[in-house]
Amino acid sequence: MDEAGAVAGVCTAVPVTLPRLGQPMYYYRCFIGRHWRRSRLVLRMLKRAFAVLEEHAHQHGYPCIGVVLELENARFGETLRKPVWIGFVYIGKSQRNLDLRLRYFRGATLKAN
């Protein structure tokens, strides 16, 4: 929250198994308030959330082996042209034609099918 009590940003992560991966991943979503959209808040929140999820996975036998992002913001599609961005690797397009990126946790191994 900012000084006025307005929400600056919020993020969620839910376990999913995308058919194309066949592996349990956390699907990460983030909302950034209008005033904060040109700041680095989205990046700070993603880095912190990844660290928290990675630690949780490590402590609980890796229920999920990494984090997947589906980038909805059109600005990301314009500015993130590198195949690897802060450790997240481009893996193609989602069913909604949005960029998909993923990053695995250190120490994680693939689950048996």
PDB file of N, CA and C in Angstrom:
ATOM      1  N   MET A   1       0.847  -1.179   0.000  1.00  0.00           N
ATOM      2  CA  MET A   1       0.000   0.000   0.000  1.00  0.00           C
ATOM      3  C   MET A   1       0.888   1.236   0.000  1.00  0.00           C
ATOM      4  N   ASP A   2       0.372   2.280  -0.629  1.00  0.00           N
ATOM      5  CA  ASP A   2       1.135   3.514  -0.648  1.00  0.00           C
ATOM      6  C   ASP A   2       0.776   4.370   0.567  1.00  0.00           C
ATOM      7  N   GLU A   3       1.324   5.571   0.623  1.00  0.00           N
ATOM      8  CA  GLU A   3       1.118   6.447   1.784  1.00  0.00           C
ATOM      9  C   GLU A   3      -0.350   6.812   1.986  1.00  0.00           C
ATOM     10  N   ALA A   4      -1.127   6.854   0.900  1.00  0.00           N
ATOM     11  CA  ALA A   4      -2.541   7.216   0.981  1.00  0.00           C
ATOM     12  C   ALA A   4      -3.435   6.017   1.289  1.00  0.00           C
ATOM     13  N   GLY A   5      -2.845   4.843   1.410  1.00  0.00           N
ATOM     14  CA  GLY A   5      -3.619   3.650   1.711  1.00  0.00           C
ATOM     15  C   GLY A   5      -4.125   2.905   0.489  1.00  0.00           C
ATOM     16  N   ALA A   6      -3.752   3.367  -0.706  1.00  0.00           N
ATOM     17  CA  ALA A   6      -4.166   2.684  -1.934  1.00  0.00           C
ATOM     18  C   ALA A   6      -3.254   1.486  -2.188  1.00  0.00           C
ATOM     19  N   VAL A   7      -3.820   0.481  -2.810  1.00  0.00           N
ATOM     20  CA  VAL A   7      -3.038  -0.710  -3.131  1.00  0.00           C
ATOM     21  C   VAL A   7      -2.020  -0.363  -4.213  1.00  0.00           C
ATOM     22  N   ALA A   8      -0.756  -0.618  -3.933  1.00  0.00           N
ATOM     23  CA  ALA A   8       0.307  -0.394  -4.908  1.00  0.00           C
ATOM     24  C   ALA A   8       0.456  -1.613  -5.806  1.00  0.00           C
ATOM     25  N   GLY A   9       0.351  -2.800  -5.223  1.00  0.00           N
ATOM     26  CA  GLY A   9       0.478  -4.016  -6.011  1.00  0.00           C
ATOM     27  C   GLY A   9       0.107  -5.236  -5.201  1.00  0.00           C
ATOM     28  N   VAL A  10      -0.304  -6.278  -5.887  1.00  0.00           N
ATOM     29  CA  VAL A  10      -0.645  -7.542  -5.255  1.00  0.00           C
ATOM     30  C   VAL A  10      -0.283  -8.655  -6.228  1.00  0.00           C
ATOM     31  N   CYS A  11       0.154  -9.790  -5.677  1.00  0.00           N
ATOM     32  CA  CYS A  11       0.466 -10.921  -6.540  1.00  0.00           C
ATOM     33  C   CYS A  11      -0.097 -12.197  -5.936  1.00  0.00           C
ATOM     34  N   THR A  12      -0.336 -13.173  -6.815  1.00  0.00           N
ATOM     35  CA  THR A  12      -0.815 -14.482  -6.388  1.00  0.00           C
ATOM     36  C   THR A  12      -0.037 -15.547  -7.146  1.00  0.00           C
ATOM     37  N   ALA A  13      -0.012 -16.736  -6.593  1.00  0.00           N
ATOM     38  CA  ALA A  13       0.607 -17.878  -7.260  1.00  0.00           C
ATOM     39  C   ALA A  13      -0.228 -19.109  -6.936  1.00  0.00           C
ATOM     40  N   VAL A  14      -0.632 -19.832  -7.964  1.00  0.00           N
ATOM     41  CA  VAL A  14      -1.417 -21.043  -7.777  1.00  0.00           C
ATOM     42  C   VAL A  14      -0.741 -22.194  -8.507  1.00  0.00           C
ATOM     43  N   PRO A  15      -0.786 -23.402  -7.933  1.00  0.00           N
ATOM     44  CA  PRO A  15      -0.189 -24.551  -8.609  1.00  0.00           C
ATOM     45  C   PRO A  15      -0.987 -24.934  -9.850  1.00  0.00           C
ATOM     46  N   VAL A  16      -0.295 -25.155 -10.950  1.00  0.00           N
ATOM     47  CA  VAL A  16      -0.912 -25.621 -12.193  1.00  0.00           C
ATOM     48  C   VAL A  16       0.028 -26.620 -12.853  1.00  0.00           C
ATOM     49  N   THR A  17      -0.546 -27.466 -13.687  1.00  0.00           N
ATOM     50  CA  THR A  17       0.256 -28.321 -14.557  1.00  0.00           C
ATOM     51  C   THR A  17      -0.200 -28.035 -15.972  1.00  0.00           C
ATOM     52  N   LEU A  18       0.601 -27.267 -16.694  1.00  0.00           N
ATOM     53  CA  LEU A  18       0.271 -26.958 -18.077  1.00  0.00           C
ATOM     54  C   LEU A  18       0.454 -28.213 -18.917  1.00  0.00           C
ATOM     55  N   PRO A  19      -0.496 -28.521 -19.788  1.00  0.00           N
ATOM     56  CA  PRO A  19      -0.370 -29.727 -20.618  1.00  0.00           C
ATOM     57  C   PRO A  19       0.930 -29.778 -21.414  1.00  0.00           C
ATOM     58  N   ARG A  20       1.384 -28.639 -21.910  1.00  0.00           N
ATOM     59  CA  ARG A  20       2.599 -28.633 -22.736  1.00  0.00           C
ATOM     60  C   ARG A  20       3.853 -28.938 -21.921  1.00  0.00           C
ATOM     61  N   LEU A  21       3.800 -28.739 -20.596  1.00  0.00           N
ATOM     62  CA  LEU A  21       4.961 -29.017 -19.747  1.00  0.00           C
ATOM     63  C   LEU A  21       4.837 -30.352 -19.016  1.00  0.00           C
ATOM     64  N   GLY A  22       3.623 -30.673 -18.592  1.00  0.00           N
ATOM     65  CA  GLY A  22       3.406 -31.896 -17.839  1.00  0.00           C
ATOM     66  C   GLY A  22       4.108 -31.916 -16.489  1.00  0.00           C
ATOM     67  N   GLN A  23       4.396 -30.738 -15.959  1.00  0.00           N
ATOM     68  CA  GLN A  23       5.094 -30.605 -14.684  1.00  0.00           C
ATOM     69  C   GLN A  23       4.373 -29.568 -13.825  1.00  0.00           C
ATOM     70  N   PRO A  24       4.308 -29.777 -12.504  1.00  0.00           N
ATOM     71  CA  PRO A  24       3.639 -28.806 -11.627  1.00  0.00           C
ATOM     72  C   PRO A  24       4.480 -27.527 -11.480  1.00  0.00           C
ATOM     73  N   MET A  25       3.849 -26.411 -11.756  1.00  0.00           N
ATOM     74  CA  MET A  25       4.493 -25.099 -11.680  1.00  0.00           C
ATOM     75  C   MET A  25       3.553 -24.150 -10.936  1.00  0.00           C
ATOM     76  N   TYR A  26       4.113 -23.101 -10.359  1.00  0.00           N
ATOM     77  CA  TYR A  26       3.276 -22.039  -9.812  1.00  0.00           C
ATOM     78  C   TYR A  26       2.980 -21.060 -10.945  1.00  0.00           C
ATOM     79  N   TYR A  27       1.707 -20.790 -11.160  1.00  0.00           N
ATOM     80  CA  TYR A  27       1.274 -19.795 -12.136  1.00  0.00           C
ATOM     81  C   TYR A  27       1.172 -18.478 -11.387  1.00  0.00           C
ATOM     82  N   TYR A  28       2.019 -17.541 -11.753  1.00  0.00           N
ATOM     83  CA  TYR A  28       2.161 -16.276 -11.033  1.00  0.00           C
ATOM     84  C   TYR A  28       1.387 -15.183 -11.744  1.00  0.00           C
ATOM     85  N   ARG A  29       0.621 -14.399 -10.963  1.00  0.00           N
ATOM     86  CA  ARG A  29      -0.075 -13.230 -11.490  1.00  0.00           C
ATOM     87  C   ARG A  29       0.247 -12.041 -10.608  1.00  0.00           C
ATOM     88  N   CYS A  30       0.238 -10.877 -11.225  1.00  0.00           N
ATOM     89  CA  CYS A  30       0.569  -9.664 -10.486  1.00  0.00           C
ATOM     90  C   CYS A  30      -0.271  -8.500 -11.016  1.00  0.00           C
ATOM     91  N   PHE A  31      -0.791  -7.699 -10.104  1.00  0.00           N
ATOM     92  CA  PHE A  31      -1.484  -6.463 -10.446  1.00  0.00           C
ATOM     93  C   PHE A  31      -0.724  -5.312  -9.811  1.00  0.00           C
ATOM     94  N   ILE A  32      -0.453  -4.296 -10.601  1.00  0.00           N
ATOM     95  CA  ILE A  32       0.221  -3.088 -10.116  1.00  0.00           C
ATOM     96  C   ILE A  32      -0.722  -1.908 -10.307  1.00  0.00           C
ATOM     97  N   GLY A  33      -0.931  -1.133  -9.244  1.00  0.00           N
ATOM     98  CA  GLY A  33      -1.788   0.047  -9.322  1.00  0.00           C
ATOM     99  C   GLY A  33      -1.266   1.055 -10.333  1.00  0.00           C
ATOM    100  N   ARG A  34      -2.184   1.793 -10.906  1.00  0.00           N
ATOM    101  CA  ARG A  34      -1.855   2.727 -11.999  1.00  0.00           C
ATOM    102  C   ARG A  34      -0.667   3.643 -11.663  1.00  0.00           C
ATOM    103  N   HIS A  35      -0.662   4.195 -10.471  1.00  0.00           N
ATOM    104  CA  HIS A  35       0.403   5.135 -10.087  1.00  0.00           C
ATOM    105  C   HIS A  35       1.784   4.476 -10.082  1.00  0.00           C
ATOM    106  N   TRP A  36       1.842   3.167  -9.860  1.00  0.00           N
ATOM    107  CA  TRP A  36       3.109   2.451  -9.702  1.00  0.00           C
ATOM    108  C   TRP A  36       3.567   1.741 -10.974  1.00  0.00           C
ATOM    109  N   ARG A  37       2.821   1.816 -12.056  1.00  0.00           N
ATOM    110  CA  ARG A  37       3.119   1.021 -13.252  1.00  0.00           C
ATOM    111  C   ARG A  37       4.402   1.409 -13.967  1.00  0.00           C
ATOM    112  N   ARG A  38       4.886   2.578 -13.790  1.00  0.00           N
ATOM    113  CA  ARG A  38       6.154   2.973 -14.422  1.00  0.00           C
ATOM    114  C   ARG A  38       7.338   2.837 -13.466  1.00  0.00           C
ATOM    115  N   SER A  39       7.071   2.276 -12.294  1.00  0.00           N
ATOM    116  CA  SER A  39       8.144   2.066 -11.317  1.00  0.00           C
ATOM    117  C   SER A  39       8.717   0.664 -11.505  1.00  0.00           C
ATOM    118  N   ARG A  40       9.632   0.295 -10.667  1.00  0.00           N
ATOM    119  CA  ARG A  40      10.229  -1.041 -10.712  1.00  0.00           C
ATOM    120  C   ARG A  40       9.523  -2.010  -9.751  1.00  0.00           C
ATOM    121  N   LEU A  41       8.348  -1.610  -9.280  1.00  0.00           N
ATOM    122  CA  LEU A  41       7.621  -2.431  -8.309  1.00  0.00           C
ATOM    123  C   LEU A  41       7.312  -3.816  -8.858  1.00  0.00           C
ATOM    124  N   VAL A  42       6.881  -3.915 -10.100  1.00  0.00           N
ATOM    125  CA  VAL A  42       6.544  -5.219 -10.668  1.00  0.00           C
ATOM    126  C   VAL A  42       7.749  -6.162 -10.630  1.00  0.00           C
ATOM    127  N   LEU A  43       8.911  -5.646 -10.923  1.00  0.00           N
ATOM    128  CA  LEU A  43      10.137  -6.452 -10.901  1.00  0.00           C
ATOM    129  C   LEU A  43      10.503  -6.847  -9.474  1.00  0.00           C
ATOM    130  N   ARG A  44      10.410  -5.910  -8.536  1.00  0.00           N
ATOM    131  CA  ARG A  44      10.718  -6.207  -7.137  1.00  0.00           C
ATOM    132  C   ARG A  44       9.774  -7.267  -6.579  1.00  0.00           C
ATOM    133  N   MET A  45       8.490  -7.160  -6.915  1.00  0.00           N
ATOM    134  CA  MET A  45       7.523  -8.137  -6.419  1.00  0.00           C
ATOM    135  C   MET A  45       7.775  -9.513  -7.014  1.00  0.00           C
ATOM    136  N   LEU A  46       8.081  -9.577  -8.299  1.00  0.00           N
ATOM    137  CA  LEU A  46       8.346 -10.869  -8.942  1.00  0.00           C
ATOM    138  C   LEU A  46       9.571 -11.538  -8.331  1.00  0.00           C
ATOM    139  N   LYS A  47      10.639 -10.791  -8.161  1.00  0.00           N
ATOM    140  CA  LYS A  47      11.857 -11.362  -7.578  1.00  0.00           C
ATOM    141  C   LYS A  47      11.604 -11.874  -6.154  1.00  0.00           C
ATOM    142  N   ARG A  48      10.877 -11.097  -5.360  1.00  0.00           N
ATOM    143  CA  ARG A  48      10.595 -11.499  -3.975  1.00  0.00           C
ATOM    144  C   ARG A  48       9.668 -12.712  -3.943  1.00  0.00           C
ATOM    145  N   ALA A  49       8.629 -12.695  -4.769  1.00  0.00           N
ATOM    146  CA  ALA A  49       7.700 -13.827  -4.804  1.00  0.00           C
ATOM    147  C   ALA A  49       8.421 -15.095  -5.240  1.00  0.00           C
ATOM    148  N   PHE A  50       9.301 -14.995  -6.230  1.00  0.00           N
ATOM    149  CA  PHE A  50      10.031 -16.177  -6.675  1.00  0.00           C
ATOM    150  C   PHE A  50      10.874 -16.735  -5.530  1.00  0.00           C
ATOM    151  N   ALA A  51      11.556 -15.866  -4.805  1.00  0.00           N
ATOM    152  CA  ALA A  51      12.390 -16.318  -3.690  1.00  0.00           C
ATOM    153  C   ALA A  51      11.544 -17.008  -2.617  1.00  0.00           C
ATOM    154  N   VAL A  52      10.390 -16.455  -2.294  1.00  0.00           N
ATOM    155  CA  VAL A  52       9.508 -17.043  -1.282  1.00  0.00           C
ATOM    156  C   VAL A  52       8.986 -18.395  -1.760  1.00  0.00           C
ATOM    157  N   LEU A  53       8.538 -18.471  -3.009  1.00  0.00           N
ATOM    158  CA  LEU A  53       8.023 -19.731  -3.554  1.00  0.00           C
ATOM    159  C   LEU A  53       9.113 -20.789  -3.642  1.00  0.00           C
ATOM    160  N   GLU A  54      10.316 -20.378  -4.016  1.00  0.00           N
ATOM    161  CA  GLU A  54      11.432 -21.323  -4.104  1.00  0.00           C
ATOM    162  C   GLU A  54      11.771 -21.897  -2.725  1.00  0.00           C
ATOM    163  N   GLU A  55      11.793 -21.050  -1.719  1.00  0.00           N
ATOM    164  CA  GLU A  55      12.076 -21.509  -0.354  1.00  0.00           C
ATOM    165  C   GLU A  55      10.977 -22.451   0.131  1.00  0.00           C
ATOM    166  N   HIS A  56       9.723 -22.084  -0.123  1.00  0.00           N
ATOM    167  CA  HIS A  56       8.604 -22.945   0.259  1.00  0.00           C
ATOM    168  C   HIS A  56       8.723 -24.306  -0.430  1.00  0.00           C
ATOM    169  N   ALA A  57       9.014 -24.311  -1.717  1.00  0.00           N
ATOM    170  CA  ALA A  57       9.147 -25.567  -2.470  1.00  0.00           C
ATOM    171  C   ALA A  57      10.273 -26.419  -1.889  1.00  0.00           C
ATOM    172  N   HIS A  58      11.390 -25.792  -1.601  1.00  0.00           N
ATOM    173  CA  HIS A  58      12.538 -26.506  -1.037  1.00  0.00           C
ATOM    174  C   HIS A  58      12.175 -27.160   0.300  1.00  0.00           C
ATOM    175  N   GLN A  59      11.473 -26.434   1.145  1.00  0.00           N
ATOM    176  CA  GLN A  59      11.113 -26.941   2.476  1.00  0.00           C
ATOM    177  C   GLN A  59      10.025 -28.005   2.440  1.00  0.00           C
ATOM    178  N   HIS A  60       9.281 -28.100   1.328  1.00  0.00           N
ATOM    179  CA  HIS A  60       8.144 -29.017   1.263  1.00  0.00           C
ATOM    180  C   HIS A  60       8.268 -30.057   0.144  1.00  0.00           C
ATOM    181  N   GLY A  61       9.473 -30.408  -0.226  1.00  0.00           N
ATOM    182  CA  GLY A  61       9.674 -31.478  -1.197  1.00  0.00           C
ATOM    183  C   GLY A  61       9.296 -31.129  -2.626  1.00  0.00           C
ATOM    184  N   TYR A  62       9.317 -29.870  -2.965  1.00  0.00           N
ATOM    185  CA  TYR A  62       9.053 -29.388  -4.324  1.00  0.00           C
ATOM    186  C   TYR A  62       7.692 -29.827  -4.861  1.00  0.00           C
ATOM    187  N   PRO A  63       6.600 -29.344  -4.247  1.00  0.00           N
ATOM    188  CA  PRO A  63       5.281 -29.636  -4.822  1.00  0.00           C
ATOM    189  C   PRO A  63       5.152 -29.048  -6.227  1.00  0.00           C
ATOM    190  N   CYS A  64       5.839 -27.951  -6.472  1.00  0.00           N
ATOM    191  CA  CYS A  64       5.961 -27.355  -7.803  1.00  0.00           C
ATOM    192  C   CYS A  64       7.453 -27.157  -8.054  1.00  0.00           C
ATOM    193  N   ILE A  65       7.852 -27.237  -9.331  1.00  0.00           N
ATOM    194  CA  ILE A  65       9.285 -27.177  -9.632  1.00  0.00           C
ATOM    195  C   ILE A  65       9.743 -25.829 -10.183  1.00  0.00           C
ATOM    196  N   GLY A  66       8.828 -24.865 -10.280  1.00  0.00           N
ATOM    197  CA  GLY A  66       9.210 -23.548 -10.764  1.00  0.00           C
ATOM    198  C   GLY A  66       8.000 -22.642 -10.898  1.00  0.00           C
ATOM    199  N   VAL A  67       8.210 -21.530 -11.591  1.00  0.00           N
ATOM    200  CA  VAL A  67       7.177 -20.510 -11.772  1.00  0.00           C
ATOM    201  C   VAL A  67       6.987 -20.264 -13.261  1.00  0.00           C
ATOM    202  N   VAL A  68       5.735 -20.149 -13.664  1.00  0.00           N
ATOM    203  CA  VAL A  68       5.411 -19.817 -15.047  1.00  0.00           C
ATOM    204  C   VAL A  68       4.682 -18.472 -15.080  1.00  0.00           C
ATOM    205  N   LEU A  69       5.032 -17.652 -16.064  1.00  0.00           N
ATOM    206  CA  LEU A  69       4.412 -16.341 -16.264  1.00  0.00           C
ATOM    207  C   LEU A  69       3.714 -16.327 -17.611  1.00  0.00           C
ATOM    208  N   GLU A  70       2.530 -15.770 -17.655  1.00  0.00           N
ATOM    209  CA  GLU A  70       1.832 -15.488 -18.909  1.00  0.00           C
ATOM    210  C   GLU A  70       1.712 -13.970 -18.955  1.00  0.00           C
ATOM    211  N   LEU A  71       2.486 -13.338 -19.804  1.00  0.00           N
ATOM    212  CA  LEU A  71       2.602 -11.887 -19.785  1.00  0.00           C
ATOM    213  C   LEU A  71       1.445 -11.218 -20.520  1.00  0.00           C
ATOM    214  N   GLU A  72       0.531 -10.631 -19.742  1.00  0.00           N
ATOM    215  CA  GLU A  72      -0.659 -10.006 -20.307  1.00  0.00           C
ATOM    216  C   GLU A  72      -0.423  -8.561 -20.724  1.00  0.00           C
ATOM    217  N   ASN A  73       0.475  -7.876 -20.059  1.00  0.00           N
ATOM    218  CA  ASN A  73       0.721  -6.464 -20.335  1.00  0.00           C
ATOM    219  C   ASN A  73       1.418  -6.318 -21.689  1.00  0.00           C
ATOM    220  N   ALA A  74       0.814  -5.573 -22.588  1.00  0.00           N
ATOM    221  CA  ALA A  74       1.368  -5.394 -23.936  1.00  0.00           C
ATOM    222  C   ALA A  74       2.770  -4.781 -23.902  1.00  0.00           C
ATOM    223  N   ARG A  75       3.050  -3.945 -22.907  1.00  0.00           N
ATOM    224  CA  ARG A  75       4.396  -3.350 -22.813  1.00  0.00           C
ATOM    225  C   ARG A  75       5.471  -4.411 -22.674  1.00  0.00           C
ATOM    226  N   PHE A  76       5.184  -5.517 -21.951  1.00  0.00           N
ATOM    227  CA  PHE A  76       6.181  -6.576 -21.817  1.00  0.00           C
ATOM    228  C   PHE A  76       6.503  -7.177 -23.171  1.00  0.00           C
ATOM    229  N   GLY A  77       5.490  -7.398 -23.992  1.00  0.00           N
ATOM    230  CA  GLY A  77       5.715  -7.955 -25.325  1.00  0.00           C
ATOM    231  C   GLY A  77       6.574  -7.065 -26.191  1.00  0.00           C
ATOM    232  N   GLU A  78       6.513  -5.768 -25.945  1.00  0.00           N
ATOM    233  CA  GLU A  78       7.301  -4.817 -26.727  1.00  0.00           C
ATOM    234  C   GLU A  78       8.725  -4.686 -26.190  1.00  0.00           C
ATOM    235  N   THR A  79       8.893  -4.755 -24.883  1.00  0.00           N
ATOM    236  CA  THR A  79      10.203  -4.477 -24.282  1.00  0.00           C
ATOM    237  C   THR A  79      11.009  -5.725 -23.943  1.00  0.00           C
ATOM    238  N   LEU A  80      10.353  -6.849 -23.730  1.00  0.00           N
ATOM    239  CA  LEU A  80      11.071  -8.068 -23.324  1.00  0.00           C
ATOM    240  C   LEU A  80      11.341  -8.959 -24.534  1.00  0.00           C
ATOM    241  N   ARG A  81      12.245  -8.574 -25.358  1.00  0.00           N
ATOM    242  CA  ARG A  81      12.545  -9.335 -26.557  1.00  0.00           C
ATOM    243  C   ARG A  81      13.691 -10.321 -26.341  1.00  0.00           C
ATOM    244  N   LYS A  82      14.310 -10.294 -25.181  1.00  0.00           N
ATOM    245  CA  LYS A  82      15.377 -11.252 -24.885  1.00  0.00           C
ATOM    246  C   LYS A  82      14.750 -12.591 -24.523  1.00  0.00           C
ATOM    247  N   PRO A  83      15.321 -13.716 -24.979  1.00  0.00           N
ATOM    248  CA  PRO A  83      14.745 -15.014 -24.660  1.00  0.00           C
ATOM    249  C   PRO A  83      14.859 -15.386 -23.180  1.00  0.00           C
ATOM    250  N   VAL A  84      15.833 -14.805 -22.469  1.00  0.00           N
ATOM    251  CA  VAL A  84      15.975 -15.033 -21.027  1.00  0.00           C
ATOM    252  C   VAL A  84      15.947 -13.670 -20.353  1.00  0.00           C
ATOM    253  N   TRP A  85      15.034 -13.522 -19.399  1.00  0.00           N
ATOM    254  CA  TRP A  85      14.850 -12.266 -18.675  1.00  0.00           C
ATOM    255  C   TRP A  85      14.788 -12.586 -17.200  1.00  0.00           C
ATOM    256  N   ILE A  86      15.712 -12.058 -16.421  1.00  0.00           N
ATOM    257  CA  ILE A  86      15.901 -12.320 -14.983  1.00  0.00           C
ATOM    258  C   ILE A  86      15.703 -13.796 -14.639  1.00  0.00           C
ATOM    259  N   GLY A  87      16.214 -14.647 -15.494  1.00  0.00           N
ATOM    260  CA  GLY A  87      16.146 -16.082 -15.262  1.00  0.00           C
ATOM    261  C   GLY A  87      14.924 -16.762 -15.839  1.00  0.00           C
ATOM    262  N   PHE A  88      13.945 -16.017 -16.318  1.00  0.00           N
ATOM    263  CA  PHE A  88      12.740 -16.581 -16.923  1.00  0.00           C
ATOM    264  C   PHE A  88      12.974 -16.768 -18.420  1.00  0.00           C
ATOM    265  N   VAL A  89      12.752 -17.991 -18.888  1.00  0.00           N
ATOM    266  CA  VAL A  89      13.031 -18.370 -20.268  1.00  0.00           C
ATOM    267  C   VAL A  89      11.743 -18.354 -21.084  1.00  0.00           C
ATOM    268  N   TYR A  90      11.816 -17.760 -22.256  1.00  0.00           N
ATOM    269  CA  TYR A  90      10.680 -17.744 -23.177  1.00  0.00           C
ATOM    270  C   TYR A  90      10.443 -19.153 -23.702  1.00  0.00           C
ATOM    271  N   ILE A  91       9.183 -19.648 -23.608  1.00  0.00           N
ATOM    272  CA  ILE A  91       8.891 -21.007 -24.096  1.00  0.00           C
ATOM    273  C   ILE A  91       7.804 -21.023 -25.167  1.00  0.00           C
ATOM    274  N   GLY A  92       7.350 -19.864 -25.623  1.00  0.00           N
ATOM    275  CA  GLY A  92       6.339 -19.812 -26.674  1.00  0.00           C
ATOM    276  C   GLY A  92       5.136 -18.997 -26.251  1.00  0.00           C
ATOM    277  N   LYS A  93       4.030 -19.255 -26.928  1.00  0.00           N
ATOM    278  CA  LYS A  93       2.793 -18.509 -26.709  1.00  0.00           C
ATOM    279  C   LYS A  93       1.767 -19.380 -25.994  1.00  0.00           C
ATOM    280  N   SER A  94       0.940 -18.735 -25.191  1.00  0.00           N
ATOM    281  CA  SER A  94      -0.154 -19.428 -24.510  1.00  0.00           C
ATOM    282  C   SER A  94      -1.322 -19.601 -25.480  1.00  0.00           C
ATOM    283  N   GLN A  95      -2.377 -20.260 -25.023  1.00  0.00           N
ATOM    284  CA  GLN A  95      -3.580 -20.400 -25.831  1.00  0.00           C
ATOM    285  C   GLN A  95      -4.209 -19.049 -26.122  1.00  0.00           C
ATOM    286  N   ARG A  96      -3.902 -18.054 -25.291  1.00  0.00           N
ATOM    287  CA  ARG A  96      -4.417 -16.696 -25.510  1.00  0.00           C
ATOM    288  C   ARG A  96      -3.448 -15.847 -26.322  1.00  0.00           C
ATOM    289  N   ASN A  97      -2.421 -16.488 -26.901  1.00  0.00           N
ATOM    290  CA  ASN A  97      -1.405 -15.839 -27.725  1.00  0.00           C
ATOM    291  C   ASN A  97      -0.562 -14.821 -26.939  1.00  0.00           C
ATOM    292  N   LEU A  98      -0.330 -15.108 -25.655  1.00  0.00           N
ATOM    293  CA  LEU A  98       0.514 -14.266 -24.815  1.00  0.00           C
ATOM    294  C   LEU A  98       1.834 -14.979 -24.573  1.00  0.00           C
ATOM    295  N   ASP A  99       2.903 -14.208 -24.386  1.00  0.00           N
ATOM    296  CA  ASP A  99       4.217 -14.805 -24.106  1.00  0.00           C
ATOM    297  C   ASP A  99       4.179 -15.627 -22.833  1.00  0.00           C
ATOM    298  N   LEU A 100       4.755 -16.824 -22.889  1.00  0.00           N
ATOM    299  CA  LEU A 100       4.932 -17.681 -21.717  1.00  0.00           C
ATOM    300  C   LEU A 100       6.406 -17.739 -21.376  1.00  0.00           C
ATOM    301  N   ARG A 101       6.698 -17.587 -20.105  1.00  0.00           N
ATOM    302  CA  ARG A 101       8.072 -17.694 -19.610  1.00  0.00           C
ATOM    303  C   ARG A 101       8.060 -18.543 -18.355  1.00  0.00           C
ATOM    304  N   LEU A 102       9.156 -19.256 -18.124  1.00  0.00           N
ATOM    305  CA  LEU A 102       9.246 -20.051 -16.906  1.00  0.00           C
ATOM    306  C   LEU A 102      10.648 -20.009 -16.336  1.00  0.00           C
ATOM    307  N   ARG A 103      10.693 -20.313 -15.063  1.00  0.00           N
ATOM    308  CA  ARG A 103      11.967 -20.387 -14.345  1.00  0.00           C
ATOM    309  C   ARG A 103      11.851 -21.505 -13.316  1.00  0.00           C
ATOM    310  N   TYR A 104      12.823 -22.398 -13.340  1.00  0.00           N
ATOM    311  CA  TYR A 104      12.821 -23.530 -12.414  1.00  0.00           C
ATOM    312  C   TYR A 104      13.513 -23.154 -11.107  1.00  0.00           C
ATOM    313  N   PHE A 105      13.105 -23.834 -10.044  1.00  0.00           N
ATOM    314  CA  PHE A 105      13.735 -23.648  -8.741  1.00  0.00           C
ATOM    315  C   PHE A 105      15.047 -24.426  -8.688  1.00  0.00           C
ATOM    316  N   ARG A 106      16.026 -23.846  -7.988  1.00  0.00           N
ATOM    317  CA  ARG A 106      17.284 -24.571  -7.738  1.00  0.00           C
ATOM    318  C   ARG A 106      16.956 -25.838  -6.966  1.00  0.00           C
ATOM    319  N   GLY A 107      17.548 -26.934  -7.362  1.00  0.00           N
ATOM    320  CA  GLY A 107      17.370 -28.189  -6.640  1.00  0.00           C
ATOM    321  C   GLY A 107      16.154 -28.999  -7.063  1.00  0.00           C
ATOM    322  N   ALA A 108      15.288 -28.432  -7.881  1.00  0.00           N
ATOM    323  CA  ALA A 108      14.084 -29.152  -8.320  1.00  0.00           C
ATOM    324  C   ALA A 108      14.459 -30.199  -9.368  1.00  0.00           C
ATOM    325  N   THR A 109      13.691 -31.269  -9.391  1.00  0.00           N
ATOM    326  CA  THR A 109      13.847 -32.295 -10.428  1.00  0.00           C
ATOM    327  C   THR A 109      12.480 -32.542 -11.068  1.00  0.00           C
ATOM    328  N   LEU A 110      12.501 -33.035 -12.286  1.00  0.00           N
ATOM    329  CA  LEU A 110      11.265 -33.330 -12.985  1.00  0.00           C
ATOM    330  C   LEU A 110      10.506 -34.433 -12.263  1.00  0.00           C
ATOM    331  N   LYS A 111       9.198 -34.302 -12.245  1.00  0.00           N
ATOM    332  CA  LYS A 111       8.339 -35.312 -11.627  1.00  0.00           C
ATOM    333  C   LYS A 111       8.111 -36.433 -12.630  1.00  0.00           C
ATOM    334  N   ALA A 112       7.977 -37.661 -12.129  1.00  0.00           N
ATOM    335  CA  ALA A 112       7.668 -38.804 -12.984  1.00  0.00           C
ATOM    336  C   ALA A 112       6.258 -38.643 -13.535  1.00  0.00           C
ATOM    337  N   ASN A 113       6.059 -39.019 -14.751  1.00  0.00           N
ATOM    338  CA  ASN A 113       4.720 -38.904 -15.367  1.00  0.00           C
ATOM    339  C   ASN A 113       3.821 -40.012 -14.961  1.00  0.00           C
TER     340      ASN A 113
END
